[in-house]
Amino acid sequence: MDLLKVTAAEFQRNIGRYQDLAQRRPVAVTRNGRDSCVLISDEEYRRLKRRDREVLGLADFTDEDIAALEKARPPEEARKFDDELDR
């Protein structure tokens, strides 16, 4: 997806136009020649939010969680990727 760059002044003068364009491609708003923010469609934002990951530390796991992780084994079909471990 090509990123369209516009100055903050241009964005302010034609905000409706860039809102419409953001439905099809990201619009980067620049300030003093640097990217300041990016306008994306609501659909794209929600897609990205679904992919969010929560990072947990060991303190976030119960003893039962840790025991279950220690017992976990990869499925048999994962063996086809073993050769990638040697790289």
N, C-alpha and C. Protein backbone atom coordinates (compact mmCIF):
# COMPACT_ATOMS: atom_id res chain seq x y z
N MET A 1 0.84 -1.17 0.00
CA MET A 1 0.00 0.00 0.00
C MET A 1 0.89 1.24 0.00
N ASP A 2 0.77 2.06 -1.02
CA ASP A 2 1.57 3.28 -1.10
C ASP A 2 1.11 4.30 -0.08
N LEU A 3 2.08 4.91 0.59
CA LEU A 3 1.82 5.94 1.58
C LEU A 3 1.79 7.30 0.90
N LEU A 4 0.69 8.01 1.03
CA LEU A 4 0.57 9.35 0.48
C LEU A 4 1.01 10.33 1.55
N LYS A 5 1.93 11.23 1.22
CA LYS A 5 2.41 12.23 2.19
C LYS A 5 1.88 13.60 1.83
N VAL A 6 1.36 14.30 2.85
CA VAL A 6 0.88 15.67 2.67
C VAL A 6 1.34 16.50 3.87
N THR A 7 1.51 17.78 3.63
CA THR A 7 1.88 18.67 4.73
C THR A 7 0.68 18.89 5.64
N ALA A 8 0.95 19.29 6.86
CA ALA A 8 -0.12 19.56 7.81
C ALA A 8 -1.03 20.68 7.30
N ALA A 9 -0.44 21.68 6.67
CA ALA A 9 -1.25 22.80 6.13
C ALA A 9 -2.17 22.30 5.03
N GLU A 10 -1.65 21.49 4.11
CA GLU A 10 -2.47 20.95 3.03
C GLU A 10 -3.57 20.05 3.60
N PHE A 11 -3.23 19.25 4.59
CA PHE A 11 -4.21 18.37 5.22
C PHE A 11 -5.35 19.19 5.83
N GLN A 12 -5.01 20.27 6.52
CA GLN A 12 -6.04 21.11 7.15
C GLN A 12 -6.94 21.77 6.11
N ARG A 13 -6.37 22.19 5.00
CA ARG A 13 -7.17 22.84 3.95
C ARG A 13 -8.13 21.87 3.27
N ASN A 14 -7.75 20.59 3.19
CA ASN A 14 -8.54 19.61 2.44
C ASN A 14 -8.78 18.33 3.23
N ILE A 15 -9.14 18.48 4.50
CA ILE A 15 -9.27 17.32 5.37
C ILE A 15 -10.26 16.28 4.83
N GLY A 16 -11.37 16.73 4.27
CA GLY A 16 -12.36 15.79 3.73
C GLY A 16 -11.80 14.95 2.61
N ARG A 17 -11.02 15.57 1.75
CA ARG A 17 -10.39 14.85 0.64
C ARG A 17 -9.47 13.76 1.17
N TYR A 18 -8.67 14.09 2.17
CA TYR A 18 -7.71 13.11 2.69
C TYR A 18 -8.39 12.03 3.54
N GLN A 19 -9.50 12.37 4.16
CA GLN A 19 -10.28 11.34 4.84
C GLN A 19 -10.79 10.32 3.82
N ASP A 20 -11.26 10.81 2.69
CA ASP A 20 -11.73 9.91 1.64
C ASP A 20 -10.58 9.06 1.09
N LEU A 21 -9.44 9.68 0.85
CA LEU A 21 -8.29 8.94 0.33
C LEU A 21 -7.80 7.88 1.32
N ALA A 22 -7.89 8.18 2.62
CA ALA A 22 -7.44 7.24 3.65
C ALA A 22 -8.28 5.97 3.67
N GLN A 23 -9.44 5.99 3.03
CA GLN A 23 -10.24 4.77 2.94
C GLN A 23 -9.56 3.76 2.02
N ARG A 24 -8.69 4.24 1.14
CA ARG A 24 -8.04 3.37 0.16
C ARG A 24 -6.55 3.19 0.40
N ARG A 25 -5.93 4.17 1.06
CA ARG A 25 -4.48 4.10 1.31
C ARG A 25 -4.11 4.99 2.47
N PRO A 26 -3.06 4.68 3.19
CA PRO A 26 -2.66 5.52 4.33
C PRO A 26 -2.21 6.90 3.88
N VAL A 27 -2.51 7.89 4.69
CA VAL A 27 -2.12 9.27 4.41
C VAL A 27 -1.24 9.74 5.56
N ALA A 28 0.03 10.02 5.26
CA ALA A 28 0.96 10.53 6.27
C ALA A 28 0.90 12.05 6.26
N VAL A 29 0.71 12.62 7.42
CA VAL A 29 0.70 14.07 7.57
C VAL A 29 2.08 14.48 8.08
N THR A 30 2.73 15.39 7.35
CA THR A 30 4.07 15.81 7.74
C THR A 30 4.03 17.18 8.40
N ARG A 31 4.98 17.38 9.26
CA ARG A 31 5.15 18.67 9.93
C ARG A 31 6.64 18.97 9.92
N ASN A 32 7.00 20.10 9.35
CA ASN A 32 8.41 20.47 9.21
C ASN A 32 9.22 19.39 8.48
N GLY A 33 8.59 18.78 7.49
CA GLY A 33 9.29 17.80 6.67
C GLY A 33 9.37 16.40 7.25
N ARG A 34 8.82 16.20 8.43
CA ARG A 34 8.87 14.88 9.07
C ARG A 34 7.47 14.32 9.20
N ASP A 35 7.36 12.98 9.07
CA ASP A 35 6.06 12.35 9.30
C ASP A 35 5.62 12.62 10.73
N SER A 36 4.38 13.07 10.88
CA SER A 36 3.84 13.40 12.20
C SER A 36 2.82 12.35 12.64
N CYS A 37 1.92 12.00 11.73
CA CYS A 37 0.91 10.99 12.03
C CYS A 37 0.42 10.39 10.71
N VAL A 38 -0.29 9.28 10.81
CA VAL A 38 -0.80 8.60 9.63
C VAL A 38 -2.29 8.39 9.81
N LEU A 39 -3.06 8.77 8.80
CA LEU A 39 -4.51 8.57 8.81
C LEU A 39 -4.80 7.30 8.02
N ILE A 40 -5.51 6.37 8.66
CA ILE A 40 -5.89 5.12 8.01
C ILE A 40 -7.39 4.92 8.17
N SER A 41 -7.94 4.03 7.38
CA SER A 41 -9.37 3.76 7.46
C SER A 41 -9.70 3.06 8.78
N ASP A 42 -10.94 3.17 9.18
CA ASP A 42 -11.41 2.48 10.38
C ASP A 42 -11.23 0.97 10.23
N GLU A 43 -11.51 0.47 9.05
CA GLU A 43 -11.37 -0.98 8.78
C GLU A 43 -9.92 -1.43 9.00
N GLU A 44 -8.96 -0.66 8.48
CA GLU A 44 -7.55 -1.00 8.65
C GLU A 44 -7.14 -0.89 10.11
N TYR A 45 -7.61 0.12 10.80
CA TYR A 45 -7.31 0.27 12.23
C TYR A 45 -7.80 -0.94 13.02
N ARG A 46 -9.04 -1.34 12.77
CA ARG A 46 -9.60 -2.49 13.48
C ARG A 46 -8.85 -3.79 13.14
N ARG A 47 -8.42 -3.92 11.89
CA ARG A 47 -7.64 -5.10 11.50
C ARG A 47 -6.33 -5.14 12.28
N LEU A 48 -5.67 -4.01 12.38
CA LEU A 48 -4.41 -3.94 13.12
C LEU A 48 -4.63 -4.20 14.61
N LYS A 49 -5.70 -3.67 15.17
CA LYS A 49 -5.98 -3.88 16.60
C LYS A 49 -6.24 -5.35 16.91
N ARG A 50 -6.86 -6.07 15.97
CA ARG A 50 -7.08 -7.50 16.19
C ARG A 50 -5.76 -8.26 16.30
N ARG A 51 -4.73 -7.70 15.69
CA ARG A 51 -3.43 -8.36 15.69
C ARG A 51 -2.57 -7.97 16.89
N ASP A 52 -3.07 -7.07 17.72
CA ASP A 52 -2.32 -6.66 18.92
C ASP A 52 -1.95 -7.87 19.75
N ARG A 53 -0.82 -7.79 20.38
CA ARG A 53 -0.38 -8.85 21.27
C ARG A 53 -0.12 -8.25 22.65
N GLU A 54 -0.43 -9.02 23.64
CA GLU A 54 -0.14 -8.60 25.01
C GLU A 54 1.11 -9.33 25.47
N VAL A 55 2.07 -8.59 25.98
CA VAL A 55 3.31 -9.17 26.45
C VAL A 55 3.17 -9.45 27.94
N LEU A 56 3.47 -10.68 28.33
CA LEU A 56 3.37 -11.09 29.72
C LEU A 56 4.74 -11.44 30.27
N GLY A 57 4.94 -11.19 31.54
CA GLY A 57 6.16 -11.60 32.22
C GLY A 57 5.89 -12.85 33.03
N LEU A 58 6.93 -13.45 33.55
CA LEU A 58 6.76 -14.67 34.35
C LEU A 58 5.83 -14.45 35.54
N ALA A 59 5.86 -13.26 36.11
CA ALA A 59 5.01 -12.98 37.27
C ALA A 59 3.52 -13.02 36.92
N ASP A 60 3.20 -12.94 35.64
CA ASP A 60 1.81 -12.96 35.20
C ASP A 60 1.24 -14.38 35.11
N PHE A 61 2.10 -15.39 35.20
CA PHE A 61 1.67 -16.78 35.07
C PHE A 61 1.51 -17.44 36.44
N THR A 62 0.51 -18.27 36.55
CA THR A 62 0.33 -19.06 37.77
C THR A 62 1.25 -20.28 37.70
N ASP A 63 1.42 -20.95 38.82
CA ASP A 63 2.21 -22.19 38.83
C ASP A 63 1.61 -23.23 37.88
N GLU A 64 0.28 -23.25 37.81
CA GLU A 64 -0.39 -24.20 36.91
C GLU A 64 -0.10 -23.86 35.45
N ASP A 65 -0.08 -22.57 35.13
CA ASP A 65 0.26 -22.15 33.77
C ASP A 65 1.66 -22.62 33.40
N ILE A 66 2.60 -22.40 34.29
CA ILE A 66 4.00 -22.77 34.02
C ILE A 66 4.13 -24.28 33.87
N ALA A 67 3.44 -25.04 34.73
CA ALA A 67 3.48 -26.50 34.63
C ALA A 67 2.91 -26.96 33.28
N ALA A 68 1.83 -26.34 32.84
CA ALA A 68 1.23 -26.70 31.56
C ALA A 68 2.19 -26.39 30.41
N LEU A 69 2.88 -25.27 30.48
CA LEU A 69 3.84 -24.92 29.44
C LEU A 69 5.01 -25.91 29.41
N GLU A 70 5.45 -26.34 30.58
CA GLU A 70 6.56 -27.29 30.64
C GLU A 70 6.17 -28.64 30.04
N LYS A 71 4.91 -29.00 30.14
CA LYS A 71 4.44 -30.28 29.60
C LYS A 71 4.13 -30.20 28.10
N ALA A 72 3.95 -29.02 27.59
CA ALA A 72 3.52 -28.85 26.20
C ALA A 72 4.56 -29.37 25.23
N ARG A 73 4.10 -30.01 24.17
CA ARG A 73 4.96 -30.53 23.11
C ARG A 73 4.39 -30.10 21.77
N PRO A 74 5.25 -29.82 20.80
CA PRO A 74 4.75 -29.41 19.49
C PRO A 74 4.05 -30.59 18.81
N PRO A 75 3.11 -30.29 17.92
CA PRO A 75 2.45 -31.37 17.19
C PRO A 75 3.44 -32.07 16.26
N GLU A 76 3.16 -33.30 15.93
CA GLU A 76 4.04 -34.11 15.09
C GLU A 76 4.35 -33.43 13.75
N GLU A 77 3.36 -32.75 13.17
CA GLU A 77 3.59 -32.12 11.86
C GLU A 77 4.61 -30.98 11.92
N ALA A 78 4.96 -30.52 13.13
CA ALA A 78 5.95 -29.45 13.26
C ALA A 78 7.36 -29.95 12.98
N ARG A 79 7.56 -31.26 12.97
CA ARG A 79 8.89 -31.83 12.70
C ARG A 79 9.43 -31.42 11.33
N LYS A 80 8.55 -31.14 10.40
CA LYS A 80 9.02 -30.79 9.06
C LYS A 80 9.81 -29.48 9.05
N PHE A 81 9.77 -28.74 10.16
CA PHE A 81 10.51 -27.48 10.25
C PHE A 81 11.80 -27.61 11.08
N ASP A 82 12.09 -28.81 11.57
CA ASP A 82 13.28 -29.02 12.42
C ASP A 82 14.57 -28.57 11.76
N ASP A 83 14.67 -28.77 10.43
CA ASP A 83 15.91 -28.39 9.73
C ASP A 83 16.18 -26.89 9.83
N GLU A 84 15.17 -26.09 10.08
CA GLU A 84 15.37 -24.64 10.19
C GLU A 84 16.07 -24.27 11.49
N LEU A 85 16.06 -25.17 12.47
CA LEU A 85 16.72 -24.90 13.74
C LEU A 85 18.24 -24.93 13.61
N ASP A 86 18.74 -25.61 12.60
CA ASP A 86 20.19 -25.74 12.42
C ASP A 86 20.82 -24.55 11.73
N ARG A 87 20.02 -23.60 11.33
CA ARG A 87 20.56 -22.44 10.59
C ARG A 87 21.14 -21.42 11.51
